[in-house]
């Protein structure tokens, strides 16, 4: 039977491994955004879970791979006339994205088995680690399901599938952080009275990210490059004019961008109210740090979001905006954990 001190040591090892996996997933999310923004996501028209890790290694192999790409709508309707050098450029983004996904699988599975066989996983944690593993496998399948939607007549992936793909990636990331924080900070001071509100803030940040997935999937971010107005008015014409009206929230670019902005305003106000109420009731040193990190991440994300709009969605800035959203979620999850387990 493990002593308490030894189990805490093993907990820190597992937490460090989970945080490393989360950091790589963070990079994966950024790379996924760059892949989408550079129009590279449909360059690999086949899914080979095992052999797909080997790229074309000869000029003949590259020409054969390029010829397969030329049979699909993206080349025929968007990139007609692209040469082999141009194809190699977009291919490598998608290739690296897929290889990194496989690397994450190995980086997660092998240590998990090692820790389990050595008896270092505390009671009750193993089922949660398996949940993360199966979520990762599902994410791989979902990624190909998303790509397939763009290999038909319309050379764009479905915004629904893209949002689901992003949502599962971020859910894996957030859950992994929560488990790691639980191992590093097992608690002891009770629950803060605003712990439930902190959880809701984290959930709303997650929903905000899904809203951003719809913006990305429909390219709604290009529709209005003005702020705080959308064009010449705060409330643009044409909102919810689709039939049925609710469908506009998912398919009309004006409505999608407007909803994303309004969601951002609501979240901005909510986080500041939450911070003020929490400070008045007392937070303690760790709670204060968590709240400051949350506010800093929020302001950074606001600046990145507005800049992305005004500069008409440059790749580097849009990718930073996506990364900023994940940083905001990180701060939200940490703040929720502190108030739930370490609150005053």
Protein backbone atom coordinates (compact mmCIF):
# COMPACT_ATOMS: atom_id res chain seq x y z
CA UNK A 1 0.00 0.00 0.00
CA UNK A 2 1.35 3.39 -0.98
CA UNK A 3 2.21 5.92 1.68
CA UNK A 4 0.48 9.26 1.41
CA UNK A 5 3.75 11.03 0.62
CA UNK A 6 4.61 8.59 -2.17
CA UNK A 7 1.11 8.87 -3.66
CA UNK A 8 1.41 12.66 -3.70
CA UNK A 9 4.72 12.26 -5.54
CA UNK A 10 3.05 10.02 -8.11
CA UNK A 11 0.16 12.47 -8.41
CA UNK A 12 2.61 15.22 -9.32
CA UNK A 13 4.19 12.98 -11.96
CA UNK A 14 0.83 12.24 -13.54
CA UNK A 15 -0.20 15.89 -13.34
CA UNK A 16 3.03 16.94 -15.09
CA UNK A 17 2.36 14.39 -17.84
CA UNK A 18 -1.23 15.63 -18.26
CA UNK A 19 -0.08 19.25 -18.42
CA UNK A 20 2.51 18.32 -21.06
CA UNK A 21 -0.22 16.61 -23.11
CA UNK A 22 -2.45 19.66 -22.66
CA UNK A 23 0.33 21.95 -23.88
CA UNK A 24 0.74 19.85 -27.03
CA UNK A 25 -3.04 19.88 -27.56
CA UNK A 26 -2.93 23.66 -27.23
CA UNK A 27 -0.38 23.70 -30.04
CA UNK A 28 -2.58 21.31 -32.01
CA UNK A 29 -5.52 23.70 -31.73
CA UNK A 30 -3.37 26.60 -32.96
CA UNK A 31 -2.03 24.52 -35.84
CA UNK A 32 -5.58 23.49 -36.72
CA UNK A 33 -6.53 27.15 -36.91
CA UNK A 34 -3.57 27.94 -39.18
CA UNK A 35 -4.45 24.95 -41.37
CA UNK A 36 -7.97 26.28 -41.79
CA UNK A 37 -6.92 29.90 -42.32
CA UNK A 38 -4.40 28.98 -45.02
CA UNK A 39 -6.94 26.85 -46.87
CA UNK A 40 -4.87 23.71 -46.31
CA UNK A 41 -7.40 21.44 -44.63
CA UNK A 42 -8.60 19.70 -47.80
CA UNK A 43 -5.20 19.07 -49.33
CA UNK A 44 -5.03 15.48 -48.05
CA UNK A 45 -7.95 13.67 -49.67
CA UNK A 46 -7.29 10.30 -48.05
CA UNK A 47 -7.34 9.12 -44.45
CA UNK A 48 -4.73 6.53 -43.58
CA UNK A 49 -4.51 6.29 -39.79
CA UNK A 50 -1.32 4.16 -39.87
CA UNK A 51 0.43 4.76 -43.20
CA UNK A 52 -0.62 8.41 -43.32
CA UNK A 53 2.36 9.36 -41.17
CA UNK A 54 4.65 8.79 -44.17
CA UNK A 55 4.62 11.82 -46.53
CA UNK A 56 5.43 11.67 -50.24
CA UNK A 57 9.18 11.00 -50.43
CA UNK A 58 9.88 11.30 -54.15
CA UNK A 59 8.90 13.56 -57.00
CA UNK A 60 6.77 10.75 -58.43
CA UNK A 61 4.97 10.31 -55.11
CA UNK A 62 4.31 14.04 -54.90
CA UNK A 63 2.92 14.10 -58.43
CA UNK A 64 0.65 11.15 -57.67
CA UNK A 65 -0.62 12.80 -54.48
CA UNK A 66 -1.17 16.08 -56.32
CA UNK A 67 -3.09 14.27 -59.06
CA UNK A 68 -5.46 12.83 -56.45
CA UNK A 69 -6.03 16.33 -55.07
CA UNK A 70 -6.81 17.63 -58.57
CA UNK A 71 -9.77 15.25 -58.80
CA UNK A 72 -11.62 17.04 -55.99
CA UNK A 73 -13.72 20.24 -55.97
CA UNK A 74 -11.26 22.43 -54.06
CA UNK A 75 -8.72 22.25 -56.86
CA UNK A 76 -11.33 22.47 -59.59
CA UNK A 77 -13.26 25.41 -58.09
CA UNK A 78 -10.77 27.26 -55.89
CA UNK A 79 -7.18 26.35 -56.71
CA UNK A 80 -7.34 25.56 -60.42
CA UNK A 81 -3.95 26.21 -61.96
CA UNK A 82 -2.05 25.65 -58.70
CA UNK A 83 1.40 24.19 -59.35
CA UNK A 84 3.13 21.44 -57.40
CA UNK A 85 5.07 23.90 -55.25
CA UNK A 86 1.84 25.56 -54.16
CA UNK A 87 0.29 22.20 -53.38
CA UNK A 88 3.27 21.17 -51.26
CA UNK A 89 2.84 24.33 -49.20
CA UNK A 90 -0.79 23.66 -48.24
CA UNK A 91 -0.21 19.90 -47.96
CA UNK A 92 2.43 20.32 -45.26
CA UNK A 93 0.12 22.22 -42.90
CA UNK A 94 -2.51 19.48 -43.01
CA UNK A 95 0.16 16.77 -42.88
CA UNK A 96 1.76 18.28 -39.76
CA UNK A 97 -1.68 18.65 -38.19
CA UNK A 98 -2.43 14.96 -38.68
CA UNK A 99 1.03 13.81 -37.55
CA UNK A 100 0.78 15.92 -34.41
CA UNK A 101 -2.57 14.27 -33.68
CA UNK A 102 -0.93 10.84 -33.87
CA UNK A 103 1.95 12.06 -31.69
CA UNK A 104 -0.51 13.21 -29.04
CA UNK A 105 -2.07 9.74 -29.06
CA UNK A 106 1.31 8.12 -28.38
CA UNK A 107 2.31 10.79 -25.86
CA UNK A 108 -0.88 10.09 -23.96
CA UNK A 109 -1.36 6.33 -24.28
CA UNK A 110 2.15 5.05 -23.51
CA UNK A 111 2.62 6.93 -20.21
CA UNK A 112 -0.94 6.11 -19.18
CA UNK A 113 -0.23 2.39 -19.54
CA UNK A 114 3.11 2.80 -17.75
CA UNK A 115 1.60 4.60 -14.78
CA UNK A 116 -1.22 2.06 -14.57
CA UNK A 117 1.13 -0.95 -14.69
CA UNK A 118 3.35 0.60 -12.01
CA UNK A 119 0.34 1.17 -9.74
CA UNK A 120 0.88 4.92 -9.59
CA UNK A 121 -2.64 6.01 -10.56
CA UNK A 122 -4.72 6.83 -7.52
CA UNK A 123 -8.07 5.11 -7.00
CA UNK A 124 -10.87 6.50 -9.14
CA UNK A 125 -8.63 8.29 -11.65
CA UNK A 126 -8.08 5.51 -14.17
CA UNK A 127 -11.63 5.56 -15.63
CA UNK A 128 -11.24 9.30 -16.23
CA UNK A 129 -7.95 8.76 -18.03
CA UNK A 130 -9.64 6.19 -20.26
CA UNK A 131 -12.41 8.67 -20.99
CA UNK A 132 -9.79 11.13 -22.24
CA UNK A 133 -8.22 8.42 -24.38
CA UNK A 134 -11.49 7.50 -26.07
CA UNK A 135 -12.33 11.17 -26.54
CA UNK A 136 -9.03 11.51 -28.39
CA UNK A 137 -9.86 8.58 -30.65
CA UNK A 138 -13.27 10.06 -31.36
CA UNK A 139 -11.61 13.36 -32.18
CA UNK A 140 -9.51 11.70 -34.86
CA UNK A 141 -12.59 10.16 -36.48
CA UNK A 142 -14.43 13.47 -36.23
CA UNK A 143 -11.55 15.23 -37.98
CA UNK A 144 -11.85 12.97 -41.02
CA UNK A 145 -15.66 13.25 -40.92
CA UNK A 146 -15.17 17.04 -41.09
CA UNK A 147 -12.74 16.82 -44.01
CA UNK A 148 -15.10 14.55 -45.95
CA UNK A 149 -17.75 17.29 -45.92
CA UNK A 150 -15.46 19.43 -48.09
CA UNK A 151 -14.62 16.72 -50.60
CA UNK A 152 -18.00 16.91 -52.29
CA UNK A 153 -19.56 19.59 -54.50
CA UNK A 154 -18.88 22.52 -52.13
CA UNK A 155 -15.14 22.69 -51.33
CA UNK A 156 -15.69 23.94 -47.79
CA UNK A 157 -16.06 21.86 -44.69
CA UNK A 158 -19.37 21.97 -42.84
CA UNK A 159 -19.40 24.62 -40.12
CA UNK A 160 -21.25 22.14 -37.93
CA UNK A 161 -18.55 19.50 -38.26
CA UNK A 162 -15.77 22.06 -37.87
CA UNK A 163 -17.35 23.41 -34.68
CA UNK A 164 -17.81 19.89 -33.34
CA UNK A 165 -14.17 19.08 -34.14
CA UNK A 166 -12.97 22.22 -32.38
CA UNK A 167 -15.37 21.64 -29.48
CA UNK A 168 -14.14 18.12 -28.78
CA UNK A 169 -10.49 19.24 -28.92
CA UNK A 170 -11.15 22.02 -26.43
CA UNK A 171 -13.23 19.71 -24.22
CA UNK A 172 -10.33 17.23 -24.07
CA UNK A 173 -7.97 20.08 -23.23
CA UNK A 174 -10.21 21.51 -20.50
CA UNK A 175 -10.94 18.14 -18.89
CA UNK A 176 -7.24 17.28 -18.93
CA UNK A 177 -6.44 20.54 -17.15
CA UNK A 178 -9.13 19.88 -14.56
CA UNK A 179 -7.69 16.45 -13.73
CA UNK A 180 -4.16 17.85 -13.55
CA UNK A 181 -5.20 20.69 -11.25
CA UNK A 182 -7.02 18.18 -9.04
CA UNK A 183 -3.79 16.21 -8.61
CA UNK A 184 -1.63 19.26 -8.00
CA UNK A 185 -4.05 21.08 -5.70
CA UNK A 186 -6.13 18.49 -3.84
CA UNK A 187 -7.95 21.12 -1.80
CA UNK A 188 -8.49 21.79 1.87
CA UNK A 189 -10.03 25.19 2.54
CA UNK A 190 -13.57 24.47 1.46
CA UNK A 191 -15.62 25.89 -1.37
CA UNK A 192 -15.97 29.59 -2.18
CA UNK A 193 -19.53 30.86 -2.29
CA UNK A 194 -19.08 31.89 -5.92
CA UNK A 195 -17.55 28.57 -7.02
CA UNK A 196 -20.65 27.67 -9.04
CA UNK A 197 -20.55 31.01 -10.82
CA UNK A 198 -16.89 30.36 -11.63
CA UNK A 199 -17.88 27.05 -13.20
CA UNK A 200 -20.52 28.82 -15.29
CA UNK A 201 -17.94 31.34 -16.47
CA UNK A 202 -15.74 28.48 -17.69
CA UNK A 203 -18.72 26.85 -19.42
CA UNK A 204 -19.65 30.12 -21.11
CA UNK A 205 -16.10 30.60 -22.34
CA UNK A 206 -16.35 27.13 -23.86
CA UNK A 207 -19.63 28.04 -25.56
CA UNK A 208 -17.99 31.23 -26.79
CA UNK A 209 -15.31 29.12 -28.43
CA UNK A 210 -18.02 27.08 -30.16
CA UNK A 211 -19.53 30.35 -31.35
CA UNK A 212 -16.13 31.19 -32.80
CA UNK A 213 -16.16 27.82 -34.56
CA UNK A 214 -19.31 28.84 -36.41
CA UNK A 215 -17.66 32.15 -37.34
CA UNK A 216 -14.66 30.27 -38.70
CA UNK A 217 -16.72 27.65 -40.50
CA UNK A 218 -18.84 30.20 -42.35
CA UNK A 219 -16.01 32.77 -42.78
CA UNK A 220 -18.29 35.25 -41.05
CA UNK A 221 -15.29 37.12 -39.66
CA UNK A 222 -14.67 38.60 -43.12
CA UNK A 223 -18.18 40.03 -43.43
CA UNK A 224 -17.77 43.17 -41.29
CA UNK A 225 -14.31 44.61 -40.62
CA UNK A 226 -15.57 47.44 -38.44
CA UNK A 227 -15.97 47.87 -34.67
CA UNK A 228 -17.99 48.65 -32.58
CA UNK A 229 -20.42 49.02 -35.47
CA UNK A 230 -21.17 46.33 -38.01
CA UNK A 231 -20.98 48.38 -41.16
CA UNK A 232 -22.86 51.59 -40.38
CA UNK A 233 -24.96 50.38 -37.43
CA UNK A 234 -24.61 48.44 -34.21
CA UNK A 235 -27.46 46.14 -35.19
CA UNK A 236 -26.96 45.34 -38.89
CA UNK A 237 -29.84 44.78 -41.29
CA UNK A 238 -30.74 41.22 -42.19
CA UNK A 239 -30.53 39.63 -38.76
CA UNK A 240 -32.52 36.40 -38.45
CA UNK A 241 -34.13 36.83 -41.86
CA UNK A 242 -33.75 33.19 -42.82
CA UNK A 243 -36.69 30.83 -42.66
CA UNK A 244 -36.90 29.35 -40.11
CA UNK A 245 -35.37 32.24 -38.18
CA UNK A 246 -33.39 30.09 -35.74
CA UNK A 247 -31.38 28.64 -38.62
CA UNK A 248 -29.78 32.05 -39.16
CA UNK A 249 -27.82 31.60 -35.92
CA UNK A 250 -25.95 28.73 -37.60
CA UNK A 251 -25.91 29.58 -41.31
CA UNK A 252 -26.29 33.35 -41.88
CA UNK A 253 -22.92 35.10 -41.68
CA UNK A 254 -24.34 38.43 -40.49
CA UNK A 255 -26.28 36.79 -37.68
CA UNK A 256 -23.38 34.54 -36.73
CA UNK A 257 -20.91 37.44 -36.42
CA UNK A 258 -23.46 39.56 -34.54
CA UNK A 259 -24.16 36.74 -32.07
CA UNK A 260 -20.43 36.20 -31.53
CA UNK A 261 -19.98 39.89 -30.72
CA UNK A 262 -22.94 40.03 -28.36
CA UNK A 263 -21.77 36.87 -26.61
CA UNK A 264 -18.36 38.52 -26.15
CA UNK A 265 -19.91 41.66 -24.66
CA UNK A 266 -22.01 39.59 -22.27
CA UNK A 267 -19.03 37.52 -21.17
CA UNK A 268 -16.88 40.62 -20.71
CA UNK A 269 -19.43 42.17 -18.35
CA UNK A 270 -20.12 38.90 -16.54
CA UNK A 271 -16.45 38.22 -15.78
CA UNK A 272 -15.95 41.70 -14.34
CA UNK A 273 -19.06 41.43 -12.17
CA UNK A 274 -17.93 37.99 -11.04
CA UNK A 275 -14.47 39.32 -10.17
CA UNK A 276 -15.91 42.24 -8.21
CA UNK A 277 -18.32 40.08 -6.22
CA UNK A 278 -15.63 37.50 -5.48
CA UNK A 279 -13.13 40.08 -4.28
CA UNK A 280 -15.70 41.58 -1.94
CA UNK A 281 -16.24 38.19 -0.33
CA UNK A 282 -12.51 37.45 -0.11
CA UNK A 283 -10.42 35.26 -2.35
CA UNK A 284 -7.18 34.46 -0.59
CA UNK A 285 -3.76 34.54 -2.28
CA UNK A 286 -4.36 31.73 -4.79
CA UNK A 287 -7.85 32.95 -5.60
CA UNK A 288 -6.56 36.47 -6.20
CA UNK A 289 -3.91 35.21 -8.61
CA UNK A 290 -6.50 33.07 -10.42
CA UNK A 291 -8.85 36.03 -10.79
CA UNK A 292 -6.10 38.32 -12.08
CA UNK A 293 -5.12 35.69 -14.65
CA UNK A 294 -8.73 35.41 -15.76
CA UNK A 295 -9.07 39.17 -16.19
CA UNK A 296 -5.73 39.43 -18.02
CA UNK A 297 -6.70 36.62 -20.40
CA UNK A 298 -10.07 38.26 -21.00
CA UNK A 299 -8.59 41.64 -21.91
CA UNK A 300 -5.97 40.02 -24.13
CA UNK A 301 -8.71 38.13 -25.96
CA UNK A 302 -10.77 41.28 -26.43
CA UNK A 303 -7.81 43.11 -27.96
CA UNK A 304 -7.01 40.15 -30.23
CA UNK A 305 -10.63 39.81 -31.33
CA UNK A 306 -11.11 43.47 -32.21
CA UNK A 307 -7.71 43.62 -33.96
CA UNK A 308 -8.56 40.52 -36.00
CA UNK A 309 -11.75 42.18 -37.23
CA UNK A 310 -10.23 45.57 -38.01
CA UNK A 311 -7.25 44.09 -39.87
CA UNK A 312 -9.52 41.78 -41.90
CA UNK A 313 -8.49 38.45 -40.38
CA UNK A 314 -4.76 38.08 -41.06
CA UNK A 315 -3.65 34.50 -40.49
CA UNK A 316 -1.22 35.15 -37.65
CA UNK A 317 -3.67 37.35 -35.76
CA UNK A 318 -6.66 35.08 -36.27
CA UNK A 319 -4.60 32.13 -35.04
CA UNK A 320 -3.56 34.21 -32.02
CA UNK A 321 -7.22 34.99 -31.37
CA UNK A 322 -8.01 31.28 -31.37
CA UNK A 323 -5.11 30.69 -29.01
CA UNK A 324 -6.29 33.54 -26.82
CA UNK A 325 -9.68 31.84 -26.49
CA UNK A 326 -7.99 28.68 -25.22
CA UNK A 327 -5.88 30.73 -22.80
CA UNK A 328 -9.06 32.34 -21.51
CA UNK A 329 -10.58 28.90 -21.01
CA UNK A 330 -7.41 27.81 -19.20
CA UNK A 331 -7.72 30.75 -16.82
CA UNK A 332 -11.42 30.04 -16.37
CA UNK A 333 -10.87 26.37 -15.55
CA UNK A 334 -8.09 27.25 -13.12
CA UNK A 335 -10.19 29.92 -11.43
CA UNK A 336 -13.14 27.53 -11.12
CA UNK A 337 -10.88 24.87 -9.65
CA UNK A 338 -9.34 27.24 -7.11
CA UNK A 339 -12.70 28.52 -5.91
CA UNK A 340 -14.14 25.02 -5.77
CA UNK A 341 -11.22 23.41 -3.95
CA UNK A 342 -9.27 26.26 -2.39
CA UNK A 343 -11.85 28.99 -1.96
CA UNK A 344 -12.29 31.28 1.00
